Protein backbone atom coordinates (compact mmCIF):
# COMPACT_ATOMS: atom_id res chain seq x y z
CA MET A 1 3.81 27.46 -36.06
CA GLY A 2 0.88 27.54 -38.49
CA LEU A 3 -1.16 24.65 -39.72
CA PHE A 4 0.39 24.79 -43.19
CA SER A 5 3.86 24.68 -41.69
CA VAL A 6 2.97 21.61 -39.60
CA ILE A 7 1.45 19.84 -42.62
CA GLY A 8 4.45 20.79 -44.76
CA ASN A 9 6.88 19.41 -42.16
CA TRP A 10 4.86 16.18 -41.90
CA ILE A 11 4.84 15.66 -45.69
CA ASN A 12 8.54 16.48 -45.89
CA SER A 13 9.25 13.96 -43.11
CA LEU A 14 7.33 11.22 -44.95
CA PHE A 15 9.13 12.00 -48.18
CA ASN A 16 12.53 11.91 -46.46
CA LYS A 17 11.73 8.54 -44.83
CA ALA A 18 10.64 7.06 -48.17
CA LYS A 19 13.72 8.46 -49.90
CA ALA A 20 16.03 7.06 -47.21
CA PHE A 21 14.38 3.64 -47.45
CA ILE A 22 14.63 3.61 -51.25
CA GLN A 23 18.33 4.55 -51.15
CA LYS A 24 19.03 1.85 -48.57
CA ALA A 25 17.11 -0.77 -50.56
CA TRP A 26 19.00 0.04 -53.76
CA SER A 27 22.34 -0.16 -51.96
CA LEU A 28 21.48 -3.54 -50.44
CA LEU A 29 20.54 -4.78 -53.88
CA GLY A 30 24.06 -4.23 -55.26
CA PRO A 31 25.67 -7.59 -54.37
CA PHE A 32 22.57 -9.51 -55.45
CA ALA A 33 22.44 -7.68 -58.78
CA LYS A 34 26.07 -8.51 -59.49
CA GLU A 35 25.32 -12.20 -59.10
CA VAL A 36 22.17 -12.45 -61.21
CA LEU A 37 22.29 -9.66 -63.80
CA SER A 38 24.47 -9.29 -66.85
CA GLU A 39 26.94 -6.43 -66.93
CA THR A 40 24.60 -4.54 -69.28
CA ALA A 41 21.68 -4.94 -66.88
CA GLN A 42 23.84 -3.90 -63.90
CA GLU A 43 24.86 -0.72 -65.73
CA PHE A 44 21.24 -0.05 -66.60
CA LEU A 45 20.21 -0.54 -62.96
CA ASP A 46 22.95 1.81 -61.74
CA SER A 47 21.90 4.57 -64.13
CA SER A 48 18.12 4.10 -64.10
CA LYS A 49 16.98 3.56 -60.51
CA THR A 50 14.81 6.68 -60.50
CA LEU A 51 13.35 5.84 -63.92
CA LEU A 52 12.40 2.34 -62.73
CA LEU A 53 10.56 3.77 -59.72
CA ASP A 54 8.91 6.43 -61.92
CA ALA A 55 7.61 3.65 -64.17
CA VAL A 56 6.21 1.71 -61.21
CA GLN A 57 4.51 4.81 -59.87
CA TYR A 58 3.08 5.65 -63.31
CA VAL A 59 1.62 2.15 -63.67
CA ALA A 60 0.19 2.23 -60.14
CA GLN A 61 -1.60 5.50 -60.86
CA GLN A 62 -3.23 4.15 -64.04
CA GLY A 63 -5.36 1.55 -62.25
CA PHE A 64 -4.87 -1.24 -64.77
CA PRO A 65 -7.16 -4.23 -64.14
CA SER A 66 -4.69 -7.09 -64.52
CA SER A 67 -1.08 -7.99 -63.84
CA GLU A 68 -0.51 -8.51 -67.54
CA ALA A 69 -1.79 -5.00 -68.35
CA LYS A 70 0.46 -3.57 -65.63
CA ARG A 71 3.48 -5.50 -66.93
CA LYS A 72 2.84 -4.29 -70.48
CA ALA A 73 2.38 -0.68 -69.36
CA PHE A 74 5.64 -0.83 -67.40
CA THR A 75 7.52 -2.30 -70.36
CA ASP A 76 6.04 0.28 -72.74
CA TYR A 77 6.96 3.11 -70.36
CA MET A 78 10.52 1.88 -70.04
CA ALA A 79 10.87 1.34 -73.79
CA LEU A 80 9.69 4.90 -74.38
CA LYS A 81 11.87 6.54 -71.72
CA ALA A 82 14.99 4.35 -71.77
CA LYS A 83 14.79 3.43 -75.47
CA ASP A 84 17.54 1.07 -76.66
CA GLU A 85 19.03 0.61 -73.21
CA TRP A 86 15.84 -1.17 -72.06
CA LYS A 87 15.52 -3.15 -75.27
CA ASP A 88 19.12 -4.41 -74.92
CA LEU A 89 18.17 -6.30 -71.75
CA LYS A 90 16.93 -9.87 -71.73
CA GLU A 91 13.24 -10.28 -70.98
CA SER A 92 14.09 -12.09 -67.74
CA GLU A 93 16.27 -9.14 -66.67
CA GLN A 94 13.49 -6.69 -67.51
CA ASP A 95 11.07 -8.72 -65.40
CA LEU A 96 13.51 -8.93 -62.49
CA LEU A 97 14.20 -5.18 -62.56
CA ARG A 98 10.46 -4.48 -62.68
CA GLN A 99 9.80 -6.77 -59.71
CA ILE A 100 12.63 -5.23 -57.69
CA ALA A 101 11.46 -1.68 -58.40
CA LEU A 102 7.87 -2.64 -57.60
CA SER A 103 8.89 -4.25 -54.30
CA ILE A 104 10.94 -1.23 -53.25
CA TRP A 105 8.17 1.20 -54.24
CA LYS A 106 5.48 -0.81 -52.40
CA LYS A 107 7.59 -1.06 -49.24
CA ALA A 108 8.46 2.65 -49.30
CA THR A 109 4.85 3.72 -49.78
CA GLU A 110 3.64 1.19 -47.19
CA GLN A 111 5.98 2.62 -44.54
CA ASN A 112 4.55 6.10 -45.08
CA LYS A 113 0.93 5.18 -44.35
């Protein structure tokens, strides 16, 4: 087995572990979401899990200096990509979804280090 094959298998293993963790975290979130989110926000969560994580990853890669700048960048990204669906949510629901996605992303990337 060549070096590139070993490295490829290692990267694939890390990706699969992160993916499995993310899927498990989203599934555990279901009952909680039903209790605290409106029906509109629950539907958005069900259809936009990947988009939420993409937004978190995008913001993390930008290196913004403050939490406020990160929050604004996340909101702008979601407004651009999800359009009216994102704007239909209450600000508190947007914040909660951002925090949940951020927590899942951090935990998944932390486990792969």
